């Protein structure tokens, strides 16, 4: 889960994830949305892949990226548990 937090800490990577919510994209299509070098975008994509937030599918010379919704579901479940537990503790302390 640490890799997910680190990957989400960067605003560029969060924007890439927002783009991929709409549709699957190639690296070139992702790069066209930023004023960054291809190498920089590739670095961000690598971090997102290592955190398993995105999946890459290679077909010939083209790599298409898509969200890995399973990891997002697990991540959101963890967030809900953390905040749910925190809320329960807060309610217990105020009673």
N, C-alpha and C. Protein backbone atom coordinates (compact mmCIF):
# COMPACT_ATOMS: atom_id res chain seq x y z
N UNK A 1 0.83 -1.20 0.00
CA UNK A 1 0.00 0.00 0.00
C UNK A 1 0.87 1.26 0.00
N UNK A 2 2.11 1.14 0.50
CA UNK A 2 3.01 2.29 0.53
C UNK A 2 3.26 2.83 -0.87
N UNK A 3 3.45 1.93 -1.85
CA UNK A 3 3.68 2.37 -3.23
C UNK A 3 2.50 3.16 -3.76
N UNK A 4 1.30 2.79 -3.37
CA UNK A 4 0.10 3.51 -3.83
C UNK A 4 0.11 4.92 -3.28
N UNK A 5 0.40 5.06 -2.00
CA UNK A 5 0.45 6.41 -1.40
C UNK A 5 1.49 7.27 -2.09
N UNK A 6 2.67 6.70 -2.32
CA UNK A 6 3.74 7.45 -2.99
C UNK A 6 3.34 7.83 -4.41
N UNK A 7 2.72 6.92 -5.11
CA UNK A 7 2.30 7.21 -6.49
C UNK A 7 1.25 8.32 -6.52
N UNK A 8 0.34 8.30 -5.57
CA UNK A 8 -0.74 9.30 -5.54
C UNK A 8 -0.29 10.65 -5.00
N UNK A 9 0.90 10.70 -4.43
CA UNK A 9 1.40 11.96 -3.85
C UNK A 9 1.72 13.01 -4.90
N UNK A 10 1.94 12.59 -6.12
CA UNK A 10 2.34 13.52 -7.18
C UNK A 10 1.14 13.98 -8.00
N UNK A 11 0.97 15.29 -8.18
CA UNK A 11 -0.19 15.80 -8.93
C UNK A 11 -0.21 15.37 -10.40
N UNK A 12 0.93 15.21 -11.01
CA UNK A 12 0.96 14.76 -12.41
C UNK A 12 0.43 13.34 -12.51
N UNK A 13 0.82 12.49 -11.59
CA UNK A 13 0.34 11.10 -11.62
C UNK A 13 -1.16 11.04 -11.32
N UNK A 14 -1.63 11.90 -10.44
CA UNK A 14 -3.08 11.93 -10.19
C UNK A 14 -3.83 12.38 -11.44
N UNK A 15 -3.25 13.32 -12.18
CA UNK A 15 -3.88 13.78 -13.42
C UNK A 15 -3.88 12.67 -14.48
N UNK A 16 -2.82 11.90 -14.54
CA UNK A 16 -2.78 10.75 -15.46
C UNK A 16 -3.89 9.77 -15.12
N UNK A 17 -4.07 9.51 -13.85
CA UNK A 17 -5.14 8.60 -13.43
C UNK A 17 -6.51 9.16 -13.79
N UNK A 18 -6.68 10.47 -13.66
CA UNK A 18 -7.95 11.10 -14.04
C UNK A 18 -8.20 10.93 -15.54
N UNK A 19 -7.16 11.10 -16.35
CA UNK A 19 -7.30 10.89 -17.79
C UNK A 19 -7.70 9.45 -18.10
N UNK A 20 -7.09 8.50 -17.39
CA UNK A 20 -7.37 7.10 -17.65
C UNK A 20 -8.74 6.66 -17.13
N UNK A 21 -9.36 7.47 -16.30
CA UNK A 21 -10.73 7.17 -15.87
C UNK A 21 -11.68 7.27 -17.06
N UNK A 22 -11.37 8.16 -17.98
CA UNK A 22 -12.24 8.41 -19.13
C UNK A 22 -12.10 7.33 -20.19
N UNK A 23 -10.84 6.94 -20.47
CA UNK A 23 -10.61 5.89 -21.48
C UNK A 23 -9.16 5.44 -21.42
N UNK A 24 -8.90 4.29 -22.00
CA UNK A 24 -7.53 3.78 -22.11
C UNK A 24 -6.77 4.67 -23.08
N UNK A 25 -5.49 4.89 -22.79
CA UNK A 25 -4.67 5.79 -23.61
C UNK A 25 -3.29 5.22 -23.84
N UNK A 26 -2.69 5.61 -24.95
CA UNK A 26 -1.29 5.27 -25.20
C UNK A 26 -0.41 6.29 -24.48
N UNK A 27 0.87 5.99 -24.40
CA UNK A 27 1.81 6.93 -23.77
C UNK A 27 1.82 8.26 -24.50
N UNK A 28 1.77 8.22 -25.83
CA UNK A 28 1.75 9.44 -26.63
C UNK A 28 0.51 10.28 -26.36
N UNK A 29 -0.64 9.63 -26.22
CA UNK A 29 -1.88 10.35 -25.92
C UNK A 29 -1.82 10.98 -24.54
N UNK A 30 -1.23 10.27 -23.59
CA UNK A 30 -1.08 10.81 -22.24
C UNK A 30 -0.13 12.00 -22.28
N UNK A 31 0.98 11.83 -22.96
CA UNK A 31 2.00 12.88 -23.05
C UNK A 31 1.43 14.16 -23.68
N UNK A 32 0.52 14.03 -24.62
CA UNK A 32 -0.07 15.19 -25.31
C UNK A 32 -0.85 16.08 -24.35
N UNK A 33 -1.21 15.59 -23.19
CA UNK A 33 -1.97 16.36 -22.20
C UNK A 33 -1.09 17.14 -21.23
N UNK A 34 0.23 17.02 -21.38
CA UNK A 34 1.15 17.66 -20.45
C UNK A 34 2.24 18.41 -21.20
N UNK A 35 2.81 19.38 -20.55
CA UNK A 35 3.95 20.10 -21.08
C UNK A 35 5.22 19.49 -20.47
N UNK A 36 5.37 18.18 -20.68
CA UNK A 36 6.49 17.43 -20.11
C UNK A 36 7.14 16.61 -21.21
N UNK A 37 8.39 16.23 -21.00
CA UNK A 37 9.07 15.37 -21.97
C UNK A 37 8.47 13.97 -21.91
N UNK A 38 8.67 13.23 -22.99
CA UNK A 38 8.21 11.85 -23.02
C UNK A 38 8.86 11.02 -21.94
N UNK A 39 10.15 11.30 -21.67
CA UNK A 39 10.87 10.56 -20.62
C UNK A 39 10.25 10.80 -19.24
N UNK A 40 9.83 12.04 -18.99
CA UNK A 40 9.22 12.35 -17.69
C UNK A 40 7.87 11.64 -17.55
N UNK A 41 7.07 11.66 -18.60
CA UNK A 41 5.78 10.97 -18.55
C UNK A 41 6.00 9.47 -18.39
N UNK A 42 6.99 8.92 -19.09
CA UNK A 42 7.30 7.49 -18.95
C UNK A 42 7.70 7.15 -17.51
N UNK A 43 8.43 8.04 -16.87
CA UNK A 43 8.81 7.83 -15.47
C UNK A 43 7.57 7.78 -14.57
N UNK A 44 6.64 8.70 -14.79
CA UNK A 44 5.40 8.70 -14.01
C UNK A 44 4.59 7.42 -14.27
N UNK A 45 4.54 7.00 -15.51
CA UNK A 45 3.81 5.77 -15.85
C UNK A 45 4.46 4.56 -15.18
N UNK A 46 5.78 4.54 -15.12
CA UNK A 46 6.49 3.44 -14.46
C UNK A 46 6.12 3.38 -12.98
N UNK A 47 6.08 4.51 -12.32
CA UNK A 47 5.72 4.55 -10.90
C UNK A 47 4.28 4.06 -10.70
N UNK A 48 3.39 4.49 -11.57
CA UNK A 48 1.99 4.05 -11.47
C UNK A 48 1.86 2.55 -11.73
N UNK A 49 2.64 2.03 -12.68
CA UNK A 49 2.63 0.58 -12.95
C UNK A 49 3.18 -0.19 -11.75
N UNK A 50 4.29 0.29 -11.18
CA UNK A 50 4.89 -0.40 -10.03
C UNK A 50 3.95 -0.41 -8.83
N UNK A 51 3.13 0.62 -8.69
CA UNK A 51 2.14 0.67 -7.62
C UNK A 51 0.89 -0.13 -7.99
N UNK A 52 0.90 -0.67 -9.20
CA UNK A 52 -0.21 -1.47 -9.75
C UNK A 52 -1.50 -0.67 -9.89
N UNK A 53 -1.37 0.64 -10.01
CA UNK A 53 -2.56 1.48 -10.22
C UNK A 53 -3.00 1.48 -11.67
N UNK A 54 -2.06 1.19 -12.57
CA UNK A 54 -2.40 1.09 -13.99
C UNK A 54 -1.82 -0.21 -14.55
N UNK A 55 -2.42 -0.64 -15.64
CA UNK A 55 -1.95 -1.81 -16.36
C UNK A 55 -1.53 -1.39 -17.75
N UNK A 56 -0.52 -2.05 -18.29
CA UNK A 56 -0.02 -1.74 -19.63
C UNK A 56 -0.20 -2.96 -20.52
N UNK A 57 -0.75 -2.72 -21.70
CA UNK A 57 -0.93 -3.80 -22.66
C UNK A 57 -0.19 -3.42 -23.93
N UNK A 58 0.79 -4.25 -24.29
CA UNK A 58 1.61 -3.97 -25.46
C UNK A 58 1.06 -4.72 -26.66
N UNK A 59 0.91 -3.99 -27.75
CA UNK A 59 0.49 -4.59 -29.02
C UNK A 59 1.40 -4.02 -30.10
N UNK A 60 2.27 -4.88 -30.61
CA UNK A 60 3.33 -4.47 -31.55
C UNK A 60 4.20 -3.42 -30.88
N UNK A 61 4.21 -2.19 -31.40
CA UNK A 61 5.06 -1.15 -30.80
C UNK A 61 4.27 -0.16 -29.95
N UNK A 62 3.00 -0.43 -29.74
CA UNK A 62 2.15 0.49 -28.98
C UNK A 62 1.81 -0.11 -27.62
N UNK A 63 1.95 0.72 -26.60
CA UNK A 63 1.55 0.31 -25.25
C UNK A 63 0.34 1.16 -24.86
N UNK A 64 -0.73 0.47 -24.48
CA UNK A 64 -1.94 1.15 -24.04
C UNK A 64 -2.08 0.97 -22.54
N UNK A 65 -2.40 2.06 -21.86
CA UNK A 65 -2.52 2.05 -20.40
C UNK A 65 -3.97 2.14 -19.99
N UNK A 66 -4.30 1.45 -18.91
CA UNK A 66 -5.65 1.53 -18.36
C UNK A 66 -5.57 1.43 -16.84
N UNK A 67 -6.62 1.88 -16.19
CA UNK A 67 -6.68 1.81 -14.72
C UNK A 67 -6.79 0.37 -14.27
N UNK A 68 -6.17 0.07 -13.16
CA UNK A 68 -6.33 -1.22 -12.51
C UNK A 68 -7.35 -1.02 -11.39
N UNK A 69 -8.60 -1.22 -11.71
CA UNK A 69 -9.67 -0.90 -10.76
C UNK A 69 -9.63 -1.77 -9.51
N UNK A 70 -9.05 -2.95 -9.59
CA UNK A 70 -8.96 -3.81 -8.41
C UNK A 70 -8.13 -3.15 -7.32
N UNK A 71 -7.01 -2.56 -7.69
CA UNK A 71 -6.16 -1.89 -6.70
C UNK A 71 -6.87 -0.68 -6.13
N UNK A 72 -7.60 0.06 -6.97
CA UNK A 72 -8.36 1.21 -6.48
C UNK A 72 -9.41 0.78 -5.47
N UNK A 73 -10.07 -0.32 -5.73
CA UNK A 73 -11.08 -0.80 -4.80
C UNK A 73 -10.44 -1.16 -3.46
N UNK A 74 -9.31 -1.85 -3.50
CA UNK A 74 -8.61 -2.20 -2.27
C UNK A 74 -8.14 -0.95 -1.52
N UNK A 75 -7.64 0.02 -2.27
CA UNK A 75 -7.16 1.26 -1.68
C UNK A 75 -8.31 2.00 -1.00
N UNK A 76 -9.44 2.11 -1.69
CA UNK A 76 -10.59 2.80 -1.12
C UNK A 76 -11.13 2.08 0.11
N UNK A 77 -11.10 0.76 0.09
CA UNK A 77 -11.54 -0.01 1.25
C UNK A 77 -10.66 0.32 2.45
N UNK A 78 -9.36 0.43 2.23
CA UNK A 78 -8.43 0.78 3.30
C UNK A 78 -8.73 2.18 3.84
N UNK A 79 -8.99 3.13 2.95
CA UNK A 79 -9.31 4.50 3.36
C UNK A 79 -10.58 4.52 4.21
N UNK A 80 -11.59 3.81 3.74
CA UNK A 80 -12.86 3.77 4.48
C UNK A 80 -12.64 3.16 5.86
N UNK A 81 -11.85 2.11 5.92
CA UNK A 81 -11.57 1.48 7.22
C UNK A 81 -10.84 2.44 8.15
N UNK A 82 -9.86 3.15 7.61
CA UNK A 82 -9.11 4.10 8.44
C UNK A 82 -10.00 5.22 8.97
N UNK A 83 -10.77 5.82 8.06
CA UNK A 83 -11.62 6.92 8.48
C UNK A 83 -12.82 6.44 9.29
N UNK A 84 -13.30 5.25 8.98
CA UNK A 84 -14.40 4.69 9.76
C UNK A 84 -13.97 4.41 11.17
N UNK A 85 -12.77 3.86 11.33
CA UNK A 85 -12.24 3.57 12.66
C UNK A 85 -11.98 4.88 13.41
N UNK A 86 -11.45 5.86 12.72
CA UNK A 86 -11.18 7.15 13.33
C UNK A 86 -12.48 7.80 13.80
N UNK A 87 -13.53 7.71 13.00
CA UNK A 87 -14.82 8.29 13.35
C UNK A 87 -15.42 7.57 14.56
N UNK A 88 -15.29 6.24 14.60
CA UNK A 88 -15.79 5.48 15.74
C UNK A 88 -15.08 5.88 17.02
N UNK A 89 -13.76 6.05 16.95
CA UNK A 89 -12.98 6.47 18.12
C UNK A 89 -13.39 7.85 18.57
N UNK A 90 -13.64 8.75 17.63
CA UNK A 90 -14.06 10.11 17.95
C UNK A 90 -15.43 10.09 18.64
N UNK A 91 -16.35 9.29 18.13
CA UNK A 91 -17.67 9.19 18.74
C UNK A 91 -17.57 8.59 20.15
N UNK A 92 -16.70 7.62 20.33
CA UNK A 92 -16.53 7.00 21.64
C UNK A 92 -15.99 8.01 22.64
N UNK A 93 -15.06 8.86 22.21
CA UNK A 93 -14.44 9.83 23.11
C UNK A 93 -15.41 10.94 23.50
N UNK A 94 -16.37 11.26 22.65
CA UNK A 94 -17.31 12.34 22.96
C UNK A 94 -18.49 11.88 23.80
N UNK A 95 -18.65 10.60 23.96
CA UNK A 95 -19.79 10.09 24.75
C UNK A 95 -19.52 10.11 26.22
